[in-house]
N, C-alpha and C. Protein backbone atom coordinates (compact mmCIF):
# COMPACT_ATOMS: atom_id res chain seq x y z
N UNK A 1 -13.54 -21.30 -4.61
CA UNK A 1 -12.52 -20.98 -3.64
C UNK A 1 -13.03 -21.35 -2.25
N UNK A 2 -12.20 -21.95 -1.47
CA UNK A 2 -12.57 -22.34 -0.11
C UNK A 2 -12.46 -21.15 0.83
N UNK A 3 -13.18 -21.24 1.92
CA UNK A 3 -13.26 -20.15 2.88
C UNK A 3 -11.90 -19.82 3.51
N UNK A 4 -11.07 -20.80 3.92
CA UNK A 4 -9.76 -20.42 4.48
C UNK A 4 -8.86 -19.68 3.49
N UNK A 5 -8.91 -20.06 2.23
CA UNK A 5 -8.11 -19.38 1.21
C UNK A 5 -8.61 -17.95 1.03
N UNK A 6 -9.92 -17.79 0.99
CA UNK A 6 -10.55 -16.48 0.87
C UNK A 6 -10.14 -15.58 2.04
N UNK A 7 -10.24 -16.10 3.25
CA UNK A 7 -9.88 -15.33 4.44
C UNK A 7 -8.39 -14.96 4.44
N UNK A 8 -7.55 -15.86 3.97
CA UNK A 8 -6.12 -15.58 3.88
C UNK A 8 -5.83 -14.47 2.89
N UNK A 9 -6.49 -14.49 1.75
CA UNK A 9 -6.29 -13.45 0.74
C UNK A 9 -6.73 -12.09 1.28
N UNK A 10 -7.89 -12.05 1.93
CA UNK A 10 -8.38 -10.80 2.52
C UNK A 10 -7.40 -10.30 3.58
N UNK A 11 -6.92 -11.20 4.42
CA UNK A 11 -5.97 -10.81 5.47
C UNK A 11 -4.67 -10.26 4.89
N UNK A 12 -4.16 -10.90 3.85
CA UNK A 12 -2.92 -10.43 3.21
C UNK A 12 -3.11 -9.06 2.56
N UNK A 13 -4.26 -8.85 1.92
CA UNK A 13 -4.53 -7.55 1.32
C UNK A 13 -4.60 -6.45 2.37
N UNK A 14 -5.24 -6.74 3.49
CA UNK A 14 -5.32 -5.76 4.58
C UNK A 14 -3.93 -5.49 5.15
N UNK A 15 -3.12 -6.52 5.28
CA UNK A 15 -1.76 -6.35 5.77
C UNK A 15 -0.93 -5.49 4.82
N UNK A 16 -1.07 -5.70 3.53
CA UNK A 16 -0.35 -4.90 2.54
C UNK A 16 -0.80 -3.44 2.63
N UNK A 17 -2.09 -3.21 2.83
CA UNK A 17 -2.59 -1.84 2.97
C UNK A 17 -1.96 -1.17 4.19
N UNK A 18 -1.94 -1.86 5.32
CA UNK A 18 -1.38 -1.28 6.54
C UNK A 18 0.10 -0.99 6.40
N UNK A 19 0.85 -1.91 5.81
CA UNK A 19 2.29 -1.70 5.63
C UNK A 19 2.54 -0.55 4.65
N UNK A 20 1.73 -0.46 3.61
CA UNK A 20 1.90 0.62 2.64
C UNK A 20 1.59 1.99 3.25
N UNK A 21 0.56 2.05 4.09
CA UNK A 21 0.24 3.31 4.77
C UNK A 21 1.41 3.72 5.67
N UNK A 22 1.97 2.76 6.40
CA UNK A 22 3.14 3.04 7.22
C UNK A 22 4.30 3.52 6.36
N UNK A 23 4.49 2.92 5.20
CA UNK A 23 5.55 3.32 4.28
C UNK A 23 5.37 4.73 3.77
N UNK A 24 4.12 5.12 3.48
CA UNK A 24 3.86 6.48 3.03
C UNK A 24 4.20 7.47 4.13
N UNK A 25 3.79 7.18 5.36
CA UNK A 25 4.08 8.07 6.48
C UNK A 25 5.58 8.18 6.70
N UNK A 26 6.28 7.06 6.68
CA UNK A 26 7.73 7.05 6.86
C UNK A 26 8.43 7.85 5.77
N UNK A 27 7.98 7.69 4.54
CA UNK A 27 8.60 8.41 3.42
C UNK A 27 8.31 9.90 3.50
N UNK A 28 7.12 10.27 3.97
CA UNK A 28 6.81 11.69 4.14
C UNK A 28 7.72 12.32 5.19
N UNK A 29 8.01 11.58 6.26
CA UNK A 29 8.94 12.07 7.28
C UNK A 29 10.33 12.22 6.67
N UNK A 30 10.73 11.27 5.86
CA UNK A 30 12.04 11.37 5.18
C UNK A 30 12.07 12.58 4.26
N UNK A 31 10.98 12.84 3.57
CA UNK A 31 10.93 14.01 2.69
C UNK A 31 11.10 15.30 3.49
N UNK A 32 10.53 15.31 4.67
CA UNK A 32 10.59 16.53 5.48
C UNK A 32 11.97 16.77 6.07
N UNK A 33 12.60 15.74 6.59
CA UNK A 33 13.82 15.92 7.37
C UNK A 33 15.11 15.52 6.66
N UNK A 34 15.05 14.74 5.60
CA UNK A 34 16.27 14.21 5.01
C UNK A 34 16.53 14.69 3.59
N UNK A 35 15.85 15.73 3.18
CA UNK A 35 16.14 16.35 1.89
C UNK A 35 16.53 17.79 2.15
N UNK A 36 17.29 18.37 1.23
CA UNK A 36 17.75 19.75 1.40
C UNK A 36 16.61 20.74 1.29
N UNK A 37 15.74 20.52 0.34
CA UNK A 37 14.61 21.40 0.09
C UNK A 37 13.34 20.55 0.16
N UNK A 38 12.31 20.96 0.90
CA UNK A 38 11.10 20.14 1.00
C UNK A 38 10.44 19.84 -0.35
N UNK A 39 10.61 20.73 -1.34
CA UNK A 39 10.04 20.47 -2.65
C UNK A 39 10.94 19.57 -3.51
N UNK A 40 12.17 19.37 -3.05
CA UNK A 40 13.10 18.49 -3.73
C UNK A 40 12.83 17.07 -3.25
N UNK A 41 12.64 16.15 -4.15
CA UNK A 41 12.24 14.79 -3.78
C UNK A 41 13.40 13.81 -3.74
N UNK A 42 14.60 14.24 -4.00
CA UNK A 42 15.74 13.35 -4.06
C UNK A 42 16.36 13.21 -2.68
N UNK A 43 16.48 11.96 -2.21
CA UNK A 43 17.08 11.66 -0.92
C UNK A 43 18.58 11.92 -1.01
N UNK A 44 19.12 12.65 -0.05
CA UNK A 44 20.51 13.09 -0.09
C UNK A 44 21.49 11.92 -0.12
N UNK A 45 21.29 10.94 0.72
CA UNK A 45 22.27 9.86 0.89
C UNK A 45 22.25 8.88 -0.28
N UNK A 46 21.07 8.39 -0.64
CA UNK A 46 21.00 7.35 -1.68
C UNK A 46 20.70 7.89 -3.06
N UNK A 47 20.15 9.09 -3.16
CA UNK A 47 19.78 9.63 -4.45
C UNK A 47 18.47 9.10 -4.98
N UNK A 48 17.70 8.45 -4.12
CA UNK A 48 16.41 7.87 -4.50
C UNK A 48 15.33 8.95 -4.59
N UNK A 49 14.42 8.80 -5.53
CA UNK A 49 13.31 9.75 -5.69
C UNK A 49 12.18 9.34 -4.75
N UNK A 50 12.02 10.10 -3.67
CA UNK A 50 11.03 9.75 -2.66
C UNK A 50 9.60 10.04 -3.11
N UNK A 51 9.42 11.04 -3.97
CA UNK A 51 8.07 11.34 -4.46
C UNK A 51 7.53 10.20 -5.32
N UNK A 52 8.40 9.60 -6.11
CA UNK A 52 8.00 8.44 -6.91
C UNK A 52 7.62 7.27 -6.01
N UNK A 53 8.38 7.10 -4.94
CA UNK A 53 8.10 6.02 -3.98
C UNK A 53 6.74 6.22 -3.32
N UNK A 54 6.42 7.46 -2.91
CA UNK A 54 5.13 7.76 -2.29
C UNK A 54 4.00 7.50 -3.29
N UNK A 55 4.20 7.91 -4.53
CA UNK A 55 3.17 7.70 -5.55
C UNK A 55 2.93 6.20 -5.78
N UNK A 56 4.01 5.42 -5.81
CA UNK A 56 3.88 3.97 -5.99
C UNK A 56 3.13 3.33 -4.83
N UNK A 57 3.44 3.75 -3.61
CA UNK A 57 2.75 3.20 -2.45
C UNK A 57 1.26 3.57 -2.45
N UNK A 58 0.94 4.76 -2.87
CA UNK A 58 -0.47 5.18 -2.95
C UNK A 58 -1.22 4.35 -3.98
N UNK A 59 -0.58 4.05 -5.10
CA UNK A 59 -1.21 3.20 -6.12
C UNK A 59 -1.44 1.80 -5.57
N UNK A 60 -0.47 1.26 -4.83
CA UNK A 60 -0.62 -0.06 -4.22
C UNK A 60 -1.79 -0.06 -3.24
N UNK A 61 -1.92 0.99 -2.44
CA UNK A 61 -3.02 1.09 -1.47
C UNK A 61 -4.36 1.10 -2.20
N UNK A 62 -4.47 1.88 -3.26
CA UNK A 62 -5.73 1.98 -4.00
C UNK A 62 -6.10 0.64 -4.63
N UNK A 63 -5.12 -0.03 -5.24
CA UNK A 63 -5.39 -1.33 -5.86
C UNK A 63 -5.84 -2.35 -4.82
N UNK A 64 -5.17 -2.38 -3.67
CA UNK A 64 -5.55 -3.33 -2.62
C UNK A 64 -6.92 -3.02 -2.05
N UNK A 65 -7.25 -1.74 -1.92
CA UNK A 65 -8.59 -1.37 -1.44
C UNK A 65 -9.67 -1.81 -2.43
N UNK A 66 -9.41 -1.63 -3.72
CA UNK A 66 -10.37 -2.06 -4.74
C UNK A 66 -10.54 -3.58 -4.71
N UNK A 67 -9.43 -4.30 -4.64
CA UNK A 67 -9.50 -5.77 -4.59
C UNK A 67 -10.22 -6.25 -3.33
N UNK A 68 -9.91 -5.64 -2.19
CA UNK A 68 -10.54 -6.05 -0.94
C UNK A 68 -12.04 -5.78 -0.97
N UNK A 69 -12.43 -4.60 -1.42
CA UNK A 69 -13.86 -4.29 -1.46
C UNK A 69 -14.58 -5.18 -2.47
N UNK A 70 -13.93 -5.49 -3.59
CA UNK A 70 -14.54 -6.40 -4.56
C UNK A 70 -14.69 -7.80 -4.02
N UNK A 71 -13.68 -8.29 -3.33
CA UNK A 71 -13.77 -9.64 -2.76
C UNK A 71 -14.83 -9.70 -1.66
N UNK A 72 -14.92 -8.66 -0.87
CA UNK A 72 -15.94 -8.65 0.19
C UNK A 72 -17.34 -8.52 -0.41
N UNK A 73 -17.49 -7.71 -1.47
CA UNK A 73 -18.79 -7.52 -2.10
C UNK A 73 -19.34 -8.80 -2.72
N UNK A 74 -18.45 -9.57 -3.35
CA UNK A 74 -18.87 -10.77 -4.06
C UNK A 74 -18.49 -12.05 -3.33
N UNK A 75 -18.42 -12.01 -2.00
CA UNK A 75 -17.95 -13.17 -1.25
C UNK A 75 -18.86 -14.38 -1.40
N UNK A 76 -20.16 -14.17 -1.54
CA UNK A 76 -21.06 -15.32 -1.67
C UNK A 76 -20.93 -15.99 -3.03
N UNK A 77 -20.52 -15.25 -4.04
CA UNK A 77 -20.31 -15.84 -5.36
C UNK A 77 -18.94 -16.51 -5.45
N UNK A 78 -17.99 -16.00 -4.66
CA UNK A 78 -16.62 -16.50 -4.73
C UNK A 78 -16.43 -17.76 -3.88
N UNK A 79 -16.98 -17.74 -2.67
CA UNK A 79 -16.78 -18.85 -1.75
C UNK A 79 -17.73 -19.99 -2.10
N UNK A 80 -17.13 -21.17 -2.24
CA UNK A 80 -17.93 -22.37 -2.49
C UNK A 80 -17.59 -23.37 -1.42
N UNK A 81 -18.57 -23.86 -0.76
CA UNK A 81 -18.34 -24.82 0.34
C UNK A 81 -18.11 -26.21 -0.15
């Protein structure tokens, strides 16, 4: 793998992590203010399950963190000039 491709992949993974963290925060705010009961996870307007959405975003964050740390750990084996 070439260095520009490697750097692009790392950058995209970091971007996905940042967007997912923002999504978790936004969804937590929606859970607090846009549901009838804070323990109720169903969004009033759309009927979407917000707790499932938060769980999915957390899984995405964990996977991207694992991939990013693995790519950074083995960068000398991955990058070929």
